[in-house]
Amino acid sequence: MYAVIETGGKQFRVKQGDTLKVEKLKANVGDIVTIEKVLLVEQDGVVKVGTPVLAGAKALLKVVEHGKGEKIIVFKYKPKKNYRRKQGHRQPYTKVLVEALEA
């Protein structure tokens, strides 16, 4: 059984026991987060697709840790004008474990 869920503006294909990094959630480590934006569920070869979400379907995610991603460099410049700006960015994330999928 797998499902496609949406969180943080991104879609993820998940099944029970998967760990994934999602956009930062407002939850403490060890909390269970319920995601009700389930777009698709496959169970025993039968695929159910929502319009846009499936009613009554949800995914239970356990928060494992919070962290920051790899640093990316943002560099702006204008040629021949002595304008240069260098800035780094690290996107915060939440690592979650898929506890259960309910359809």
C-alpha atoms as a PDB file:
ATOM      1  CA  MET A   1       0.000   0.000   0.000  1.00  0.00           C
ATOM      2  CA  TYR A   2       1.304   3.430  -0.898  1.00  0.00           C
ATOM      3  CA  ALA A   3      -0.088   6.934  -1.059  1.00  0.00           C
ATOM      4  CA  VAL A   4       0.742  10.319  -2.543  1.00  0.00           C
ATOM      5  CA  ILE A   5       0.521  13.089   0.056  1.00  0.00           C
ATOM      6  CA  GLU A   6       1.014  16.839  -0.149  1.00  0.00           C
ATOM      7  CA  THR A   7       2.784  18.886   2.497  1.00  0.00           C
ATOM      8  CA  GLY A   8       4.739  22.110   2.272  1.00  0.00           C
ATOM      9  CA  GLY A   9       3.700  22.640  -1.341  1.00  0.00           C
ATOM     10  CA  LYS A  10       5.371  19.396  -2.457  1.00  0.00           C
ATOM     11  CA  GLN A  11       4.034  15.926  -3.204  1.00  0.00           C
ATOM     12  CA  PHE A  12       5.578  12.727  -1.833  1.00  0.00           C
ATOM     13  CA  ARG A  13       4.965   9.049  -2.626  1.00  0.00           C
ATOM     14  CA  VAL A  14       5.055   7.288   0.739  1.00  0.00           C
ATOM     15  CA  LYS A  15       4.443   3.884   2.266  1.00  0.00           C
ATOM     16  CA  GLN A  16       4.497   2.728   5.869  1.00  0.00           C
ATOM     17  CA  GLY A  17       7.976   2.819   7.383  1.00  0.00           C
ATOM     18  CA  ASP A  18       9.421   5.448   5.000  1.00  0.00           C
ATOM     19  CA  THR A  19      11.440   8.390   6.307  1.00  0.00           C
ATOM     20  CA  LEU A  20      11.461  11.660   4.409  1.00  0.00           C
ATOM     21  CA  LYS A  21      12.456  15.295   4.756  1.00  0.00           C
ATOM     22  CA  VAL A  22       9.584  17.767   4.410  1.00  0.00           C
ATOM     23  CA  GLU A  23       9.333  21.527   4.827  1.00  0.00           C
ATOM     24  CA  LYS A  24       9.577  22.517   8.493  1.00  0.00           C
ATOM     25  CA  LEU A  25       6.479  21.590  10.520  1.00  0.00           C
ATOM     26  CA  LYS A  26       5.363  23.261  13.748  1.00  0.00           C
ATOM     27  CA  ALA A  27       5.608  20.142  15.895  1.00  0.00           C
ATOM     28  CA  ASN A  28       7.985  18.861  18.547  1.00  0.00           C
ATOM     29  CA  VAL A  29      10.226  15.818  18.168  1.00  0.00           C
ATOM     30  CA  GLY A  30       8.202  12.690  18.916  1.00  0.00           C
ATOM     31  CA  ASP A  31       4.828  14.234  18.026  1.00  0.00           C
ATOM     32  CA  ILE A  32       2.441  12.559  15.588  1.00  0.00           C
ATOM     33  CA  VAL A  33       1.350  14.835  12.719  1.00  0.00           C
ATOM     34  CA  THR A  34      -1.764  14.032  10.681  1.00  0.00           C
ATOM     35  CA  ILE A  35      -1.684  14.866   6.972  1.00  0.00           C
ATOM     36  CA  GLU A  36      -5.147  14.922   5.439  1.00  0.00           C
ATOM     37  CA  LYS A  37      -4.105  16.040   1.945  1.00  0.00           C
ATOM     38  CA  VAL A  38      -3.934  12.538   0.462  1.00  0.00           C
ATOM     39  CA  LEU A  39      -4.123  12.726  -3.324  1.00  0.00           C
ATOM     40  CA  LEU A  40      -3.886   9.038  -4.257  1.00  0.00           C
ATOM     41  CA  VAL A  41      -3.997   5.661  -2.507  1.00  0.00           C
ATOM     42  CA  GLU A  42      -3.040   2.260  -3.940  1.00  0.00           C
ATOM     43  CA  GLN A  43      -4.138  -0.788  -1.967  1.00  0.00           C
ATOM     44  CA  ASP A  44      -4.061  -4.392  -3.266  1.00  0.00           C
ATOM     45  CA  GLY A  45      -3.794  -3.257  -6.884  1.00  0.00           C
ATOM     46  CA  VAL A  46      -6.774  -0.889  -6.619  1.00  0.00           C
ATOM     47  CA  VAL A  47      -5.910   2.768  -7.193  1.00  0.00           C
ATOM     48  CA  LYS A  48      -8.129   5.512  -5.778  1.00  0.00           C
ATOM     49  CA  VAL A  49      -7.539   9.058  -7.025  1.00  0.00           C
ATOM     50  CA  GLY A  50      -8.991  12.110  -5.277  1.00  0.00           C
ATOM     51  CA  THR A  51     -10.501  15.203  -6.851  1.00  0.00           C
ATOM     52  CA  PRO A  52      -8.205  16.781  -5.620  1.00  0.00           C
ATOM     53  CA  VAL A  53      -8.048  14.944  -2.241  1.00  0.00           C
ATOM     54  CA  LEU A  54      -9.525  11.689  -0.985  1.00  0.00           C
ATOM     55  CA  ALA A  55     -12.190  12.121   1.682  1.00  0.00           C
ATOM     56  CA  GLY A  56     -11.432  10.220   4.885  1.00  0.00           C
ATOM     57  CA  ALA A  57      -7.860   9.319   3.927  1.00  0.00           C
ATOM     58  CA  LYS A  58      -4.955  10.459   6.071  1.00  0.00           C
ATOM     59  CA  ALA A  59      -1.310   9.768   6.800  1.00  0.00           C
ATOM     60  CA  LEU A  60       0.165   9.690  10.289  1.00  0.00           C
ATOM     61  CA  LEU A  61       3.737  10.999  10.452  1.00  0.00           C
ATOM     62  CA  LYS A  62       6.025  10.883  13.492  1.00  0.00           C
ATOM     63  CA  VAL A  63       8.521  13.749  13.810  1.00  0.00           C
ATOM     64  CA  VAL A  64      12.053  12.349  14.109  1.00  0.00           C
ATOM     65  CA  GLU A  65      14.178  15.512  14.012  1.00  0.00           C
ATOM     66  CA  HIS A  66      14.453  19.104  12.828  1.00  0.00           C
ATOM     67  CA  GLY A  67      17.445  20.386  10.910  1.00  0.00           C
ATOM     68  CA  LYS A  68      18.840  22.540   8.143  1.00  0.00           C
ATOM     69  CA  GLY A  69      19.693  21.450   4.608  1.00  0.00           C
ATOM     70  CA  GLU A  70      22.890  21.988   2.665  1.00  0.00           C
ATOM     71  CA  LYS A  71      24.027  25.567   2.156  1.00  0.00           C
ATOM     72  CA  ILE A  72      23.385  27.140  -1.209  1.00  0.00           C
ATOM     73  CA  ILE A  73      25.111  30.322  -2.375  1.00  0.00           C
ATOM     74  CA  VAL A  74      23.086  33.217  -3.769  1.00  0.00           C
ATOM     75  CA  PHE A  75      25.366  35.555  -5.715  1.00  0.00           C
ATOM     76  CA  LYS A  76      24.157  38.732  -7.436  1.00  0.00           C
ATOM     77  CA  TYR A  77      26.304  41.033  -9.514  1.00  0.00           C
ATOM     78  CA  LYS A  78      26.107  43.683 -12.175  1.00  0.00           C
ATOM     79  CA  PRO A  79      28.981  43.736 -14.622  1.00  0.00           C
ATOM     80  CA  LYS A  80      31.213  46.846 -14.768  1.00  0.00           C
ATOM     81  CA  LYS A  81      29.330  48.511 -11.865  1.00  0.00           C
ATOM     82  CA  ASN A  82      31.258  47.082  -8.873  1.00  0.00           C
ATOM     83  CA  TYR A  83      28.019  45.590  -7.453  1.00  0.00           C
ATOM     84  CA  ARG A  84      28.424  42.183  -5.833  1.00  0.00           C
ATOM     85  CA  ARG A  85      26.339  40.530  -3.103  1.00  0.00           C
ATOM     86  CA  LYS A  86      27.082  37.066  -1.753  1.00  0.00           C
ATOM     87  CA  GLN A  87      24.564  35.401   0.540  1.00  0.00           C
ATOM     88  CA  GLY A  88      24.156  31.854   1.839  1.00  0.00           C
ATOM     89  CA  HIS A  89      20.927  30.028   2.664  1.00  0.00           C
ATOM     90  CA  ARG A  90      20.120  26.801   4.524  1.00  0.00           C
ATOM     91  CA  GLN A  91      16.500  25.637   4.221  1.00  0.00           C
ATOM     92  CA  PRO A  92      14.998  24.269   7.461  1.00  0.00           C
ATOM     93  CA  TYR A  93      13.401  20.823   7.260  1.00  0.00           C
ATOM     94  CA  THR A  94      11.625  18.268   9.418  1.00  0.00           C
ATOM     95  CA  LYS A  95      12.532  14.596   9.148  1.00  0.00           C
ATOM     96  CA  VAL A  96       9.435  12.393   9.582  1.00  0.00           C
ATOM     97  CA  LEU A  97       8.666   8.677   9.739  1.00  0.00           C
ATOM     98  CA  VAL A  98       5.458   7.370   8.153  1.00  0.00           C
ATOM     99  CA  GLU A  99       3.657   5.546  10.975  1.00  0.00           C
ATOM    100  CA  ALA A 100       0.434   4.582   9.202  1.00  0.00           C
ATOM    101  CA  LEU A 101      -1.684   5.211   6.128  1.00  0.00           C
ATOM    102  CA  GLU A 102      -5.452   5.179   6.487  1.00  0.00           C
ATOM    103  CA  ALA A 103      -7.761   5.043   3.468  1.00  0.00           C
END
